[in-house]
């Protein structure tokens, strides 16, 4: 479903924009952002759903939408949401932003994986790359979006690239309540979003998973299973996912500080 042009006099959260990395080549928009906002947020405990709660004066999902709208590589944005909440997204979210990119809505599925597959159906065939992002990660910055896209664009051997942060905690392998191993944490990274892939590769991986009734932990796991090579692009640990109320407080503090600079 195509969304009408947002209000042009609405305040736009532009403080999340960042310059491109020095020396980055200028490339026209070749990426579609698929922003997944269909979750019910049961762990968050708010009947509105965490993507609609206020964060620094705007619904939480506004901040990630605005970042992708400002990313030079992004040509279009697809928002995946519950079909019955489409009008709410238009009225309470999109109308409060001054967007320059076309936006369309796609219906969410029973799982996040099904929601992404639904969103891929709205990605124009002429766009080579897809950036899948969780609406619950409001602190994503334009620079990191561009770095992830550039990583895939610049290496023909890659199926995709994901943002991730190095593990800083000691990890324990536990059975029941007993530690059975302490793995070397230098091999472990915490996956984030966006995760950027070549459109055809990601679509094929999702279709194969649906056919095999396989549920992955993220989009990268589906591409890896399908034989694709995926690179890690290091990102700040500030790119948190708001899952529980305590996370919202952290996001508010980090975003509030960013808006002051």
Protein backbone atom coordinates (compact mmCIF):
# COMPACT_ATOMS: atom_id res chain seq x y z
CA UNK A 1 0.00 0.00 0.00
CA UNK A 2 1.47 3.32 -1.07
CA UNK A 3 1.45 6.05 1.53
CA UNK A 4 0.60 9.62 0.63
CA UNK A 5 3.08 12.44 0.95
CA UNK A 6 3.73 13.28 4.62
CA UNK A 7 3.10 16.77 5.96
CA UNK A 8 5.92 19.07 4.90
CA UNK A 9 5.60 21.35 7.92
CA UNK A 10 6.00 18.53 10.44
CA UNK A 11 9.18 18.57 12.53
CA UNK A 12 11.82 16.18 11.22
CA UNK A 13 14.27 14.53 13.65
CA UNK A 14 17.38 15.47 11.66
CA UNK A 15 19.90 15.18 14.49
CA UNK A 16 20.52 11.54 13.68
CA UNK A 17 22.06 12.40 10.29
CA UNK A 18 25.79 11.79 9.97
CA UNK A 19 28.25 12.57 7.14
CA UNK A 20 29.40 9.83 4.81
CA UNK A 21 32.75 8.19 5.56
CA UNK A 22 35.68 10.16 4.15
CA UNK A 23 36.53 9.10 0.62
CA UNK A 24 33.30 7.15 0.09
CA UNK A 25 32.30 7.09 -3.59
CA UNK A 26 29.12 8.85 -4.60
CA UNK A 27 26.57 6.28 -5.73
CA UNK A 28 22.93 6.85 -6.60
CA UNK A 29 20.19 5.38 -4.42
CA UNK A 30 20.13 1.61 -4.98
CA UNK A 31 18.71 0.32 -1.69
CA UNK A 32 15.27 -0.27 -0.25
CA UNK A 33 14.88 -0.11 3.51
CA UNK A 34 12.50 -2.68 5.00
CA UNK A 35 11.64 -1.51 8.51
CA UNK A 36 9.97 -4.23 10.56
CA UNK A 37 7.38 -2.79 12.94
CA UNK A 38 4.89 -5.61 13.29
CA UNK A 39 5.79 -6.92 16.73
CA UNK A 40 3.32 -6.84 19.61
CA UNK A 41 5.99 -5.94 22.17
CA UNK A 42 4.67 -8.30 24.85
CA UNK A 43 7.92 -8.11 26.82
CA UNK A 44 7.74 -4.31 26.77
CA UNK A 45 4.38 -4.34 28.50
CA UNK A 46 2.71 -1.38 26.74
CA UNK A 47 -0.61 -2.07 24.96
CA UNK A 48 0.31 0.40 22.22
CA UNK A 49 3.37 -1.64 21.21
CA UNK A 50 6.89 -0.38 21.81
CA UNK A 51 7.23 1.03 18.28
CA UNK A 52 4.51 3.59 19.11
CA UNK A 53 5.69 4.73 22.56
CA UNK A 54 7.09 8.26 22.79
CA UNK A 55 10.85 8.72 22.59
CA UNK A 56 12.14 12.30 22.84
CA UNK A 57 8.82 13.66 21.65
CA UNK A 58 8.10 11.30 18.75
CA UNK A 59 6.88 7.71 18.39
CA UNK A 60 9.89 5.44 18.76
CA UNK A 61 9.75 4.15 15.18
CA UNK A 62 9.98 7.71 13.79
CA UNK A 63 13.68 7.87 14.55
CA UNK A 64 14.73 4.89 12.45
CA UNK A 65 12.41 5.91 9.60
CA UNK A 66 13.98 9.37 9.59
CA UNK A 67 17.51 7.94 9.53
CA UNK A 68 16.79 5.80 6.47
CA UNK A 69 15.04 8.71 4.78
CA UNK A 70 18.24 10.73 5.17
CA UNK A 71 20.57 7.94 3.97
CA UNK A 72 21.85 8.74 0.44
CA UNK A 73 21.84 5.07 -0.59
CA UNK A 74 18.16 4.57 0.22
CA UNK A 75 15.66 5.06 -2.61
CA UNK A 76 12.53 3.77 -0.91
CA UNK A 77 11.21 2.71 2.49
CA UNK A 78 8.85 -0.19 3.19
CA UNK A 79 7.30 -0.31 6.65
CA UNK A 80 6.01 -3.73 7.71
CA UNK A 81 3.20 -3.43 10.24
CA UNK A 82 0.02 -5.15 11.33
CA UNK A 83 -2.63 -4.56 8.64
CA UNK A 84 -5.08 -3.14 11.17
CA UNK A 85 -2.50 -0.55 12.27
CA UNK A 86 -1.70 0.88 8.85
CA UNK A 87 -3.92 3.92 9.34
CA UNK A 88 -2.32 4.49 12.76
CA UNK A 89 1.17 4.42 11.21
CA UNK A 90 0.11 7.02 8.65
CA UNK A 91 -1.69 9.28 11.14
CA UNK A 92 0.53 9.05 14.22
CA UNK A 93 3.95 8.34 12.71
CA UNK A 94 4.39 9.37 9.08
CA UNK A 95 2.37 12.57 9.40
CA UNK A 96 4.85 13.80 12.01
CA UNK A 97 7.85 13.54 9.70
CA UNK A 98 8.97 15.49 6.65
CA UNK A 99 10.11 12.62 4.44
CA UNK A 100 11.75 12.89 1.03
CA UNK A 101 11.65 9.19 0.04
CA UNK A 102 8.54 7.28 -1.08
CA UNK A 103 7.07 5.07 1.64
CA UNK A 104 4.79 2.04 1.35
CA UNK A 105 3.27 -0.30 3.92
CA UNK A 106 3.34 -4.09 3.86
CA UNK A 107 1.36 -6.44 6.14
CA UNK A 108 3.26 -8.18 8.91
CA UNK A 109 3.16 -11.95 9.33
CA UNK A 110 2.87 -14.35 12.25
CA UNK A 111 6.65 -14.17 12.84
CA UNK A 112 9.36 -11.62 12.19
CA UNK A 113 10.71 -13.88 9.45
CA UNK A 114 7.31 -13.96 7.74
CA UNK A 115 7.09 -10.18 8.11
CA UNK A 116 10.40 -9.64 6.33
CA UNK A 117 9.32 -11.94 3.50
CA UNK A 118 6.12 -9.90 3.19
CA UNK A 119 8.13 -6.68 3.08
CA UNK A 120 10.39 -8.06 0.36
CA UNK A 121 7.33 -8.36 -1.83
CA UNK A 122 7.10 -4.57 -1.89
CA UNK A 123 10.74 -3.97 -2.81
CA UNK A 124 11.11 -2.68 -6.39
CA UNK A 125 12.96 -5.16 -8.61
CA UNK A 126 15.25 -2.46 -9.94
CA UNK A 127 16.81 -1.84 -6.52
CA UNK A 128 19.80 -4.12 -6.00
CA UNK A 129 20.07 -4.01 -2.21
CA UNK A 130 17.74 -4.38 0.75
CA UNK A 131 18.45 -3.07 4.26
CA UNK A 132 16.32 -4.86 6.86
CA UNK A 133 15.98 -2.96 10.11
CA UNK A 134 14.08 -3.41 13.37
CA UNK A 135 11.86 -0.39 14.12
CA UNK A 136 12.76 -0.99 17.78
CA UNK A 137 16.34 0.19 17.13
CA UNK A 138 15.78 3.97 17.11
CA UNK A 139 19.43 4.98 17.55
CA UNK A 140 20.65 3.86 14.14
CA UNK A 141 22.72 6.55 12.39
CA UNK A 142 22.98 7.42 8.72
CA UNK A 143 26.72 6.82 8.67
CA UNK A 144 26.32 3.22 9.81
CA UNK A 145 23.57 2.56 7.27
CA UNK A 146 25.89 3.82 4.54
CA UNK A 147 28.83 1.73 5.79
CA UNK A 148 26.78 -1.47 5.73
CA UNK A 149 25.46 -0.78 2.22
CA UNK A 150 28.92 0.19 0.97
CA UNK A 151 30.41 -3.06 2.32
CA UNK A 152 28.09 -5.17 0.15
CA UNK A 153 28.17 -2.84 -2.84
CA UNK A 154 31.97 -2.85 -2.86
CA UNK A 155 32.54 -6.62 -2.75
CA UNK A 156 30.89 -8.80 -5.39
CA UNK A 157 31.70 -11.94 -3.35
CA UNK A 158 29.45 -10.84 -0.49
CA UNK A 159 25.81 -11.77 -0.16
CA UNK A 160 25.38 -9.26 2.62
CA UNK A 161 26.75 -7.36 5.59
CA UNK A 162 25.37 -6.82 9.06
CA UNK A 163 26.06 -4.29 11.76
CA UNK A 164 27.35 -5.92 14.94
CA UNK A 165 29.32 -5.15 18.06
CA UNK A 166 32.08 -7.19 19.67
CA UNK A 167 31.17 -9.17 22.75
CA UNK A 168 32.55 -7.43 25.82
CA UNK A 169 31.27 -9.91 28.41
CA UNK A 170 32.73 -13.25 29.33
CA UNK A 171 30.46 -15.90 27.82
CA UNK A 172 29.48 -19.17 29.48
CA UNK A 173 28.05 -22.30 27.89
CA UNK A 174 25.54 -23.64 30.41
CA UNK A 175 23.53 -26.85 30.65
CA UNK A 176 20.78 -26.55 33.22
CA UNK A 177 22.51 -24.34 35.75
CA UNK A 178 26.01 -25.76 35.33
CA UNK A 179 28.80 -24.13 33.32
CA UNK A 180 30.27 -26.60 30.84
CA UNK A 181 32.57 -24.28 28.87
CA UNK A 182 33.92 -20.74 28.66
CA UNK A 183 34.36 -19.94 24.96
CA UNK A 184 36.81 -17.40 23.62
CA UNK A 185 34.71 -14.24 23.39
CA UNK A 186 36.94 -12.77 20.65
CA UNK A 187 35.01 -14.95 18.19
CA UNK A 188 31.60 -13.65 19.28
CA UNK A 189 29.71 -10.59 18.06
CA UNK A 190 26.25 -9.29 18.95
CA UNK A 191 24.21 -8.93 15.75
CA UNK A 192 22.34 -5.69 15.13
CA UNK A 193 20.35 -4.16 12.29
CA UNK A 194 20.29 -2.99 9.61
CA UNK A 195 21.34 -6.14 7.83
CA UNK A 196 22.00 -5.40 4.15
CA UNK A 197 21.78 -7.99 1.37
CA UNK A 198 21.53 -8.27 -2.36
CA UNK A 199 17.78 -8.33 -2.98
CA UNK A 200 17.70 -11.53 -5.04
CA UNK A 201 19.90 -13.41 -2.57
CA UNK A 202 17.79 -12.45 0.44
CA UNK A 203 14.54 -13.25 -1.34
CA UNK A 204 15.84 -16.68 -2.38
CA UNK A 205 17.03 -17.41 1.16
CA UNK A 206 13.66 -16.46 2.64
CA UNK A 207 11.74 -18.52 0.10
CA UNK A 208 13.95 -21.54 0.79
CA UNK A 209 13.42 -21.17 4.54
CA UNK A 210 9.64 -20.91 4.07
CA UNK A 211 9.63 -23.98 1.84
CA UNK A 212 11.67 -25.98 4.37
CA UNK A 213 9.73 -24.60 7.36
CA UNK A 214 13.02 -23.35 8.81
CA UNK A 215 13.04 -20.55 11.35
CA UNK A 216 16.29 -18.61 11.61
CA UNK A 217 17.40 -16.23 14.33
CA UNK A 218 17.85 -13.31 11.93
CA UNK A 219 17.99 -12.62 8.20
CA UNK A 220 21.71 -13.28 8.06
CA UNK A 221 21.20 -16.81 9.39
CA UNK A 222 18.91 -17.54 6.43
CA UNK A 223 21.43 -16.22 3.92
CA UNK A 224 24.27 -18.14 5.60
CA UNK A 225 22.16 -21.31 5.45
CA UNK A 226 21.63 -20.67 1.74
CA UNK A 227 25.41 -20.51 1.18
CA UNK A 228 25.87 -16.75 1.15
CA UNK A 229 28.95 -15.02 2.56
CA UNK A 230 28.06 -12.28 5.05
CA UNK A 231 30.47 -9.72 6.46
CA UNK A 232 30.37 -8.02 9.86
CA UNK A 233 30.59 -4.22 9.98
CA UNK A 234 31.47 -3.05 13.48
CA UNK A 235 28.93 -0.71 15.03
CA UNK A 236 28.60 1.09 18.34
CA UNK A 237 26.85 -0.78 21.16
CA UNK A 238 24.57 2.30 21.41
CA UNK A 239 22.49 0.86 18.54
CA UNK A 240 20.34 -0.90 21.10
CA UNK A 241 17.04 -2.68 20.55
CA UNK A 242 14.26 -1.47 22.83
CA UNK A 243 12.78 -4.67 24.26
CA UNK A 244 11.92 -3.86 27.89
CA UNK A 245 11.09 -0.53 29.62
CA UNK A 246 14.64 -0.20 30.94
CA UNK A 247 15.89 -0.09 27.35
CA UNK A 248 13.64 2.89 26.62
CA UNK A 249 15.29 4.85 29.41
CA UNK A 250 18.74 4.11 27.95
CA UNK A 251 17.59 5.11 24.47
CA UNK A 252 16.07 8.34 25.81
CA UNK A 253 19.32 9.28 27.52
CA UNK A 254 21.48 8.48 24.47
CA UNK A 255 19.19 10.20 21.98
CA UNK A 256 18.68 13.20 24.23
CA UNK A 257 22.47 13.63 24.44
CA UNK A 258 22.77 13.29 20.66
CA UNK A 259 20.14 15.97 20.08
CA UNK A 260 22.09 18.39 22.28
CA UNK A 261 25.30 18.10 20.23
